[in-house]
N, C-alpha and C. Protein backbone atom coordinates (compact mmCIF):
# COMPACT_ATOMS: atom_id res chain seq x y z
N MET A 1 40.90 120.58 22.57
CA MET A 1 40.34 119.34 22.43
C MET A 1 40.00 119.08 20.70
N GLU A 2 40.87 117.74 20.77
CA GLU A 2 40.12 118.07 18.95
C GLU A 2 39.63 116.32 18.76
N ASN A 3 38.71 116.21 18.14
CA ASN A 3 37.96 115.68 17.38
C ASN A 3 39.20 114.80 16.17
N ASN A 4 38.76 113.44 16.24
CA ASN A 4 39.41 112.82 15.32
C ASN A 4 38.15 111.81 15.08
N THR A 5 37.04 112.16 14.88
CA THR A 5 36.01 111.05 14.27
C THR A 5 36.30 110.79 12.46
N GLY A 6 37.28 111.54 12.19
CA GLY A 6 37.13 111.38 10.55
C GLY A 6 35.95 112.45 9.97
N GLY A 7 35.94 112.81 8.68
CA GLY A 7 35.53 112.82 8.18
C GLY A 7 35.07 114.53 8.28
N THR A 8 34.17 115.81 7.50
CA THR A 8 34.26 116.99 7.68
C THR A 8 33.09 117.39 8.92
N GLY A 9 33.90 117.89 9.97
CA GLY A 9 33.22 118.76 10.42
C GLY A 9 33.00 117.20 12.31
N GLY A 10 33.47 116.43 11.93
CA GLY A 10 33.27 115.26 12.85
C GLY A 10 32.20 114.60 12.55
N GLN A 11 31.25 114.54 11.62
CA GLN A 11 29.93 113.54 11.96
C GLN A 11 30.29 112.37 11.13
N ARG A 12 29.91 110.90 11.67
CA ARG A 12 29.77 110.40 10.96
C ARG A 12 28.54 109.72 10.01
N ARG A 13 28.47 109.60 8.93
CA ARG A 13 27.53 109.47 7.69
C ARG A 13 26.72 107.83 8.01
N LYS A 14 25.71 107.47 8.58
CA LYS A 14 25.15 106.70 8.30
C LYS A 14 24.67 105.99 7.14
N ILE A 15 25.08 105.27 6.86
CA ILE A 15 24.38 104.51 5.83
C ILE A 15 22.51 103.48 6.08
N LYS A 16 22.03 104.58 5.40
CA LYS A 16 20.56 103.87 4.94
C LYS A 16 20.40 102.66 3.91
N TRP A 17 19.76 101.82 4.15
CA TRP A 17 19.23 100.33 3.39
C TRP A 17 17.74 100.60 3.31
N ARG A 18 17.30 100.45 2.22
CA ARG A 18 15.50 101.13 2.23
C ARG A 18 15.60 99.53 1.13
N LEU A 19 14.31 99.50 1.16
CA LEU A 19 13.95 98.00 0.17
C LEU A 19 13.70 98.68 -1.33
N ASN A 20 14.53 98.10 -2.08
CA ASN A 20 13.69 98.35 -3.13
C ASN A 20 13.36 97.36 -4.09
N ILE A 21 13.10 97.54 -4.84
CA ILE A 21 12.29 96.48 -6.25
C ILE A 21 13.09 95.44 -6.17
N PHE A 22 14.65 95.66 -6.61
CA PHE A 22 15.81 94.75 -6.89
C PHE A 22 15.83 94.17 -5.65
N ASP A 23 15.45 94.33 -4.73
CA ASP A 23 15.58 92.98 -3.27
C ASP A 23 14.84 92.70 -3.31
N ILE A 24 13.88 93.17 -3.51
CA ILE A 24 12.36 92.11 -3.07
C ILE A 24 12.25 91.24 -4.32
N ALA A 25 13.03 91.39 -5.65
CA ALA A 25 12.89 90.25 -6.46
C ALA A 25 14.02 88.99 -6.58
N ILE A 26 14.89 89.86 -5.54
CA ILE A 26 16.09 88.81 -5.09
C ILE A 26 15.60 87.91 -3.94
N ILE A 27 14.71 88.76 -3.32
CA ILE A 27 13.62 87.97 -2.06
C ILE A 27 13.46 86.47 -2.71
N ILE A 28 12.41 86.52 -3.79
CA ILE A 28 11.10 86.40 -4.40
C ILE A 28 11.85 85.04 -5.39
N ALA A 29 12.85 85.60 -5.97
CA ALA A 29 13.78 84.02 -6.45
C ALA A 29 14.48 82.81 -5.88
N ALA A 30 14.56 83.85 -4.67
CA ALA A 30 15.64 82.89 -3.67
C ALA A 30 14.14 81.78 -2.94
N ALA A 31 12.90 82.26 -2.99
CA ALA A 31 12.01 81.53 -1.90
C ALA A 31 11.51 80.84 -3.39
N ALA A 32 11.98 81.14 -4.29
CA ALA A 32 10.83 80.22 -5.74
C ALA A 32 12.35 79.09 -5.16
N ALA A 33 13.38 79.27 -5.62
CA ALA A 33 14.36 78.34 -5.51
C ALA A 33 14.01 77.41 -4.55
N VAL A 34 13.62 77.90 -3.53
CA VAL A 34 14.09 76.80 -2.42
C VAL A 34 12.66 75.83 -2.66
N TYR A 35 11.66 76.40 -3.12
CA TYR A 35 10.00 75.81 -3.15
C TYR A 35 10.94 74.80 -3.74
N LEU A 36 11.09 75.16 -5.55
CA LEU A 36 11.71 73.93 -6.51
C LEU A 36 12.32 72.81 -5.92
N PHE A 37 13.56 73.42 -5.35
CA PHE A 37 14.09 72.41 -4.70
C PHE A 37 13.74 71.35 -3.79
N PHE A 38 13.14 71.69 -2.90
CA PHE A 38 11.90 70.65 -2.09
C PHE A 38 11.04 69.67 -2.80
N ARG A 39 10.67 70.96 -3.84
CA ARG A 39 9.16 70.50 -5.07
C ARG A 39 9.23 69.09 -5.12
N LEU A 40 10.76 69.67 -6.14
CA LEU A 40 11.74 68.30 -7.13
C LEU A 40 12.17 67.48 -6.05
N GLY A 41 12.90 67.54 -5.49
CA GLY A 41 12.63 66.04 -4.43
C GLY A 41 11.95 65.53 -3.42
N ARG A 42 10.75 65.62 -3.61
CA ARG A 42 9.04 65.19 -3.13
C ARG A 42 8.82 64.35 -4.80
N SER A 43 8.91 65.02 -5.98
CA SER A 43 8.52 64.28 -7.53
C SER A 43 9.31 63.22 -7.86
N ALA A 44 10.91 63.16 -7.39
CA ALA A 44 11.80 62.76 -7.51
C ALA A 44 11.18 61.19 -6.86
N GLY A 45 10.44 61.12 -5.75
CA GLY A 45 10.22 59.95 -4.87
C GLY A 45 9.27 59.08 -5.80
N VAL A 46 8.52 60.20 -6.01
CA VAL A 46 6.97 59.34 -6.98
C VAL A 46 7.21 58.92 -7.90
N GLU A 47 8.41 59.57 -8.93
CA GLU A 47 8.50 58.99 -10.50
C GLU A 47 9.87 58.04 -10.06
N MET A 48 10.24 57.49 -8.61
CA MET A 48 10.72 56.72 -8.52
C MET A 48 9.78 55.38 -8.01
N LEU A 49 8.91 55.99 -7.45
CA LEU A 49 7.39 54.63 -7.04
C LEU A 49 6.99 54.21 -8.50
N SER A 50 6.50 55.63 -9.14
CA SER A 50 5.87 54.76 -10.76
C SER A 50 6.78 53.60 -11.42
N SER A 51 7.99 53.96 -11.50
CA SER A 51 9.24 53.01 -12.11
C SER A 51 9.28 51.87 -11.69
N GLY A 52 8.93 51.50 -10.31
CA GLY A 52 9.40 49.82 -9.85
C GLY A 52 8.26 49.11 -10.28
N THR A 53 8.66 48.15 -9.39
CA THR A 53 7.88 47.09 -8.95
C THR A 53 6.83 46.95 -7.95
N PRO A 54 5.78 46.63 -8.19
CA PRO A 54 4.64 46.85 -7.23
C PRO A 54 4.76 45.46 -6.62
N THR A 55 4.97 45.53 -5.45
CA THR A 55 5.05 44.74 -4.51
C THR A 55 4.83 45.07 -2.55
N THR A 56 4.77 44.11 -2.16
CA THR A 56 4.19 44.04 -0.62
C THR A 56 5.50 43.78 0.43
N VAL A 57 5.61 45.07 1.46
CA VAL A 57 6.66 45.00 2.50
C VAL A 57 6.15 44.84 3.68
N ARG A 58 7.00 43.78 4.33
CA ARG A 58 6.89 44.44 5.99
C ARG A 58 7.94 44.21 7.06
N TYR A 59 7.74 45.43 7.59
CA TYR A 59 8.80 46.08 8.01
C TYR A 59 8.59 46.16 9.67
N THR A 60 9.82 45.97 10.83
CA THR A 60 10.14 46.03 11.91
C THR A 60 10.15 46.79 12.33
N VAL A 61 9.26 48.27 12.53
CA VAL A 61 10.32 49.36 13.59
C VAL A 61 9.89 49.36 15.14
N GLU A 62 11.61 49.26 15.45
CA GLU A 62 11.53 49.58 16.93
C GLU A 62 11.89 50.67 17.88
N ILE A 63 10.78 50.55 18.75
CA ILE A 63 11.07 52.33 19.50
C ILE A 63 11.62 51.93 20.59
N LEU A 64 12.43 52.62 21.29
CA LEU A 64 12.71 52.19 22.54
C LEU A 64 12.43 52.98 23.97
N GLY A 65 12.94 52.83 24.87
CA GLY A 65 11.98 53.57 26.08
C GLY A 65 11.21 54.29 26.41
N LEU A 66 9.84 53.13 25.97
CA LEU A 66 8.59 53.79 26.29
C LEU A 66 8.12 53.48 27.38
N PRO A 67 7.12 54.12 27.98
CA PRO A 67 6.31 53.79 29.05
C PRO A 67 6.41 53.19 29.48
N GLU A 68 5.58 52.79 30.67
CA GLU A 68 4.99 51.39 30.53
C GLU A 68 2.98 51.48 30.10
N GLY A 69 2.91 50.52 29.27
CA GLY A 69 1.40 51.03 28.82
C GLY A 69 1.13 51.31 27.62
N PHE A 70 2.34 52.03 27.25
CA PHE A 70 1.88 52.51 25.71
C PHE A 70 1.76 51.79 25.01
N THR A 71 2.09 50.94 24.74
CA THR A 71 2.10 50.08 23.27
C THR A 71 0.62 49.64 23.50
N ASP A 72 0.32 49.70 24.40
CA ASP A 72 -1.74 49.21 25.03
C ASP A 72 -2.41 49.86 24.18
N GLN A 73 -1.70 51.44 23.50
CA GLN A 73 -2.50 52.24 22.34
C GLN A 73 -2.77 51.73 21.22
N ILE A 74 -1.69 50.73 21.11
CA ILE A 74 -1.89 50.40 19.12
C ILE A 74 -2.05 49.22 19.13
N LYS A 75 -2.57 49.27 18.45
CA LYS A 75 -3.64 48.03 17.47
C LYS A 75 -3.27 47.63 16.26
N PRO A 76 -3.77 46.70 16.46
CA PRO A 76 -3.50 45.94 14.43
C PRO A 76 -4.27 46.49 13.68
N GLY A 77 -4.19 47.19 12.79
CA GLY A 77 -5.07 47.84 11.83
C GLY A 77 -5.44 49.19 11.69
N ASP A 78 -4.42 49.78 12.45
CA ASP A 78 -3.74 50.91 13.14
C ASP A 78 -3.17 52.11 11.60
N SER A 79 -3.33 53.03 11.10
CA SER A 79 -2.43 53.34 9.92
C SER A 79 -1.36 54.17 10.11
N ILE A 80 0.04 53.96 9.77
CA ILE A 80 0.70 54.88 10.56
C ILE A 80 1.29 55.95 9.14
N MET A 81 1.70 56.73 10.37
CA MET A 81 2.17 58.12 9.06
C MET A 81 3.04 58.21 9.41
N GLU A 82 3.85 59.12 8.85
CA GLU A 82 5.55 59.58 8.48
C GLU A 82 5.75 60.74 8.91
N ILE A 83 5.90 61.15 10.36
CA ILE A 83 5.70 62.43 10.87
C ILE A 83 6.20 63.61 9.86
N VAL A 84 6.99 63.58 9.57
CA VAL A 84 8.05 64.80 8.67
C VAL A 84 7.18 64.91 7.83
N GLU A 85 6.55 64.20 6.62
CA GLU A 85 6.18 64.80 5.45
C GLU A 85 4.65 64.36 5.25
N LYS A 86 4.31 63.51 6.22
CA LYS A 86 2.92 63.46 7.07
C LYS A 86 2.02 62.24 5.11
N ARG A 87 3.34 61.40 5.27
CA ARG A 87 2.36 60.21 4.46
C ARG A 87 2.50 58.79 5.22
N SER A 88 1.17 57.87 4.01
CA SER A 88 1.09 56.52 5.24
C SER A 88 2.35 55.93 4.98
N VAL A 89 2.52 55.30 5.76
CA VAL A 89 3.81 54.41 5.93
C VAL A 89 3.93 52.98 6.18
N GLY A 90 2.37 52.76 6.48
CA GLY A 90 1.74 51.53 6.83
C GLY A 90 0.49 51.15 7.96
N VAL A 91 0.25 49.81 7.86
CA VAL A 91 -0.74 49.56 8.55
C VAL A 91 -0.19 48.89 9.40
N VAL A 92 -0.25 48.47 10.87
CA VAL A 92 0.30 48.11 12.10
C VAL A 92 -0.48 46.61 12.25
N VAL A 93 0.22 45.58 11.69
CA VAL A 93 -0.15 44.15 11.55
C VAL A 93 0.38 43.68 13.07
N SER A 94 1.36 43.39 13.98
CA SER A 94 1.00 43.26 15.24
C SER A 94 2.08 44.18 15.94
N VAL A 95 1.76 44.24 16.90
CA VAL A 95 3.12 44.44 18.35
C VAL A 95 3.43 44.07 19.72
N ASP A 96 4.78 43.59 19.59
CA ASP A 96 5.37 43.06 20.55
C ASP A 96 6.14 43.62 21.50
N THR A 97 6.30 43.38 22.89
CA THR A 97 6.75 44.65 23.87
C THR A 97 7.80 43.82 24.82
N VAL A 98 9.12 44.28 24.80
CA VAL A 98 9.73 43.89 25.46
C VAL A 98 10.67 44.32 26.39
N PRO A 99 11.10 44.11 27.17
CA PRO A 99 11.39 45.26 28.22
C PRO A 99 12.97 45.83 27.78
N PHE A 100 12.99 47.16 28.03
CA PHE A 100 13.77 48.03 27.66
C PHE A 100 15.87 47.80 28.35
N VAL A 101 16.09 47.17 27.61
CA VAL A 101 17.63 46.66 28.17
C VAL A 101 18.91 47.78 27.37
N MET A 102 19.55 48.36 28.34
CA MET A 102 20.47 49.22 27.54
C MET A 102 22.02 49.01 28.33
N SER A 103 23.06 48.80 26.69
CA SER A 103 23.99 48.32 27.29
C SER A 103 25.03 49.76 28.19
N SER A 104 25.50 48.88 29.00
CA SER A 104 26.48 50.06 29.58
C SER A 104 27.58 49.69 30.08
N LYS A 105 29.11 50.49 30.07
CA LYS A 105 30.42 50.10 30.58
C LYS A 105 30.75 49.99 31.99
N ASN A 106 31.08 48.66 32.87
CA ASN A 106 31.13 48.58 34.05
C ASN A 106 32.57 49.41 34.31
N ILE A 107 32.91 50.66 34.38
CA ILE A 107 33.76 51.22 34.76
C ILE A 107 35.10 51.03 35.23
N PHE A 108 34.84 49.77 35.95
CA PHE A 108 35.88 48.87 36.98
C PHE A 108 36.59 47.88 36.13
N THR A 109 35.89 47.07 35.67
CA THR A 109 36.46 46.25 34.80
C THR A 109 36.40 46.16 33.21
N GLY A 110 35.99 47.67 32.64
CA GLY A 110 36.29 47.35 31.38
C GLY A 110 34.97 46.80 30.58
N GLU A 111 34.20 46.07 30.77
CA GLU A 111 33.50 44.92 30.13
C GLU A 111 31.76 46.11 30.51
N TYR A 112 31.20 45.75 29.03
CA TYR A 112 30.18 45.99 28.87
C TYR A 112 29.03 44.92 29.09
N ILE A 113 27.95 45.28 30.35
CA ILE A 113 27.07 44.99 30.55
C ILE A 113 25.37 45.06 30.40
N ASP A 114 24.87 44.47 29.99
CA ASP A 114 23.33 44.50 29.44
C ASP A 114 22.60 44.90 30.99
N ALA A 115 21.46 46.06 30.80
CA ALA A 115 21.03 46.69 32.11
C ALA A 115 19.43 46.41 32.04
N VAL A 116 18.46 46.10 32.31
CA VAL A 116 17.55 45.94 32.29
C VAL A 116 16.88 47.33 32.83
N VAL A 117 16.24 48.55 32.18
CA VAL A 117 15.81 49.77 32.74
C VAL A 117 14.07 49.50 33.64
N PRO A 118 14.15 49.89 34.05
CA PRO A 118 12.88 50.03 35.42
C PRO A 118 11.81 50.83 34.40
N GLU A 119 10.79 50.44 34.07
CA GLU A 119 9.53 51.11 33.57
C GLU A 119 9.44 51.78 32.63
N ARG A 120 10.76 51.27 31.89
CA ARG A 120 10.85 51.79 30.44
C ARG A 120 10.71 50.25 29.40
N TYR A 121 9.94 50.73 28.09
CA TYR A 121 9.79 49.28 27.52
C TYR A 121 10.32 49.52 26.47
N THR A 122 10.68 48.01 25.31
CA THR A 122 10.91 48.43 23.73
C THR A 122 9.53 47.76 23.29
N GLY A 123 9.03 48.30 21.76
CA GLY A 123 8.15 48.33 21.41
C GLY A 123 8.31 48.02 19.88
N ASN A 124 7.93 46.82 19.04
CA ASN A 124 8.38 46.31 18.26
C ASN A 124 7.02 46.62 17.44
N LEU A 125 7.06 47.01 16.28
CA LEU A 125 5.75 47.68 15.31
C LEU A 125 5.99 46.82 13.93
N LEU A 126 5.05 45.60 13.57
CA LEU A 126 5.31 45.30 12.51
C LEU A 126 4.51 45.63 11.42
N LEU A 127 4.91 46.44 10.68
CA LEU A 127 4.08 47.57 9.91
C LEU A 127 4.10 46.39 8.51
N GLU A 128 3.16 46.16 7.74
CA GLU A 128 2.87 46.12 5.90
C GLU A 128 2.10 47.28 5.24
N SER A 129 2.74 47.40 4.42
CA SER A 129 2.47 48.84 3.24
C SER A 129 2.90 47.75 1.85
N PRO A 130 2.31 48.55 0.47
CA PRO A 130 2.39 48.56 -0.26
C PRO A 130 3.40 49.05 -0.74
N ALA A 131 4.15 48.66 -1.65
CA ALA A 131 5.36 50.05 -2.13
C ALA A 131 5.87 49.14 -3.41
N MET A 132 6.83 49.89 -3.51
CA MET A 132 7.05 49.54 -5.16
C MET A 132 9.15 49.20 -4.94
N GLU A 133 9.20 48.36 -5.45
CA GLU A 133 10.98 47.90 -5.51
C GLU A 133 11.50 48.26 -6.94
N THR A 134 12.89 49.06 -7.10
CA THR A 134 14.01 49.10 -7.42
C THR A 134 14.97 48.65 -7.20
N ASP A 135 16.40 48.20 -8.47
CA ASP A 135 17.40 47.44 -7.96
C ASP A 135 17.84 48.31 -6.95
N GLU A 136 17.77 49.81 -6.54
CA GLU A 136 18.56 50.33 -5.30
C GLU A 136 17.14 50.61 -3.93
N SER A 137 16.32 50.15 -3.84
CA SER A 137 15.46 50.31 -3.06
C SER A 137 14.03 49.95 -3.06
N ILE A 138 13.43 49.86 -1.30
CA ILE A 138 12.67 49.61 -1.76
C ILE A 138 11.22 50.91 -1.31
N VAL A 139 10.41 51.75 -1.99
CA VAL A 139 9.49 52.38 -0.93
C VAL A 139 8.61 52.38 -1.03
N VAL A 140 7.69 53.48 -0.15
CA VAL A 140 6.45 53.07 0.44
C VAL A 140 6.11 54.95 0.72
N GLY A 141 4.66 55.13 0.55
CA GLY A 141 3.96 55.95 0.64
C GLY A 141 4.54 57.12 0.19
N GLY A 142 4.90 56.91 -0.76
CA GLY A 142 5.11 58.45 -1.66
C GLY A 142 6.44 58.87 -1.58
N GLY A 143 7.41 57.99 -0.91
CA GLY A 143 8.70 58.42 -1.57
C GLY A 143 9.67 58.00 0.26
N PHE A 144 9.46 57.41 0.39
CA PHE A 144 9.74 56.96 2.12
C PHE A 144 10.59 55.45 1.53
N ALA A 145 11.99 55.28 1.28
CA ALA A 145 12.93 53.92 1.20
C ALA A 145 12.70 53.60 2.70
N VAL A 146 12.25 52.00 2.36
CA VAL A 146 12.92 51.12 3.71
C VAL A 146 13.77 50.68 3.52
N ARG A 147 14.98 50.61 4.52
CA ARG A 147 16.60 49.58 5.13
C ARG A 147 16.40 49.70 5.99
N ASN A 148 17.17 48.50 6.10
CA ASN A 148 16.69 48.56 7.85
C ASN A 148 18.47 49.26 8.16
N GLY A 149 17.77 49.75 9.54
CA GLY A 149 18.57 50.69 9.75
C GLY A 149 18.23 52.33 9.64
N ALA A 150 17.13 52.27 8.81
CA ALA A 150 16.97 53.83 8.60
C ALA A 150 16.03 54.11 9.86
N ARG A 151 16.47 55.57 10.24
CA ARG A 151 15.46 56.16 11.44
C ARG A 151 14.06 56.60 10.79
N MET A 152 12.96 56.70 11.65
CA MET A 152 11.85 56.63 11.60
C MET A 152 11.09 57.40 12.96
N SER A 153 10.35 58.89 12.29
CA SER A 153 9.46 59.12 13.19
C SER A 153 8.45 58.89 12.77
N ILE A 154 7.31 57.88 14.15
CA ILE A 154 5.73 57.88 13.18
C ILE A 154 4.77 57.73 13.93
N MET A 155 3.50 58.33 13.29
CA MET A 155 2.37 58.67 14.40
C MET A 155 1.20 57.67 14.09
N GLY A 156 0.60 57.29 15.37
CA GLY A 156 -0.84 56.86 14.62
C GLY A 156 -2.16 57.53 15.36
N PRO A 157 -2.82 57.18 15.45
CA PRO A 157 -4.09 57.62 16.02
C PRO A 157 -4.28 57.75 17.06
N GLY A 158 -3.68 58.52 18.02
CA GLY A 158 -3.75 58.85 19.57
C GLY A 158 -2.19 58.95 20.10
N TYR A 159 -0.67 58.60 19.46
CA TYR A 159 -0.09 57.91 20.04
C TYR A 159 1.36 58.60 18.30
N ALA A 160 2.31 58.39 19.15
CA ALA A 160 3.83 59.32 17.76
C ALA A 160 5.07 58.24 18.74
N GLY A 161 5.78 58.59 18.25
CA GLY A 161 7.47 57.67 18.50
C GLY A 161 8.16 57.32 17.30
N ALA A 162 9.68 57.51 18.04
CA ALA A 162 10.68 57.09 16.55
C ALA A 162 11.43 56.35 16.96
N GLY A 163 12.03 55.65 15.82
CA GLY A 163 13.04 54.58 16.03
C GLY A 163 13.63 53.60 14.81
N TYR A 164 14.10 52.92 14.69
CA TYR A 164 14.66 52.73 13.72
C TYR A 164 14.09 51.39 13.30
N ILE A 165 14.64 50.40 11.75
CA ILE A 165 13.51 49.63 11.05
C ILE A 165 15.14 48.44 11.45
N ILE A 166 14.21 47.57 11.68
CA ILE A 166 15.43 46.69 12.21
C ILE A 166 15.61 45.02 11.71
N ASN A 167 14.16 45.57 10.31
CA ASN A 167 13.93 44.30 9.94
C ASN A 167 13.28 44.71 8.05
N VAL A 168 13.59 43.85 7.52
CA VAL A 168 12.63 44.27 6.32
C VAL A 168 12.39 42.53 5.44
N GLU A 169 10.58 42.46 5.41
CA GLU A 169 10.40 41.36 4.41
C GLU A 169 9.72 41.66 3.67
N ARG A 170 10.42 41.15 2.39
CA ARG A 170 9.54 41.71 1.00
C ARG A 170 8.37 40.35 0.57
N GLY A 171 7.24 41.04 -0.09
CA GLY A 171 6.66 40.02 -0.66
C GLY A 171 6.27 39.81 -1.92
N GLU A 172 5.45 38.94 -2.26
CA GLU A 172 5.00 38.91 -3.44
C GLU A 172 4.13 40.46 -4.11
N GLY A 173 3.96 40.98 -5.53
CA GLY A 173 3.42 42.04 -5.72
C GLY A 173 2.16 41.51 -6.01
């Protein structure tokens, strides 16, 4: 019987990869590039803060689908942080709770109807924060741009949630 594995004597050569000084240098350079990319992104937000006009901003964050009693934990004066970057984005001024309403399509008529979801609520948090205003944006918390429709993941003392900014009110500096 003939062996068609190629090479001499039917043996295959295995290629072994060993970590060497050049591989380590490439890994370190890649890690440094990633670090600098994210570090420069943060410092750009800080530069934007230093070049704007100081002002106070009030904005409302809408958090949907909360369980009953959740908003009882949120108190005016609570300091709120943005979860991803751990930056302060304001202080709670007030909290409003309304029933959670979901739009659904009626499969028989094709019309959309609003239905109240039992035991679920919408929390509207009015936050206030010092900010820097430029021609392009209003920035709070060292780099978070406040604009209608922006998604926010926030946390306070003993609670957290995610929602959207639904209203922005500019104040005086």
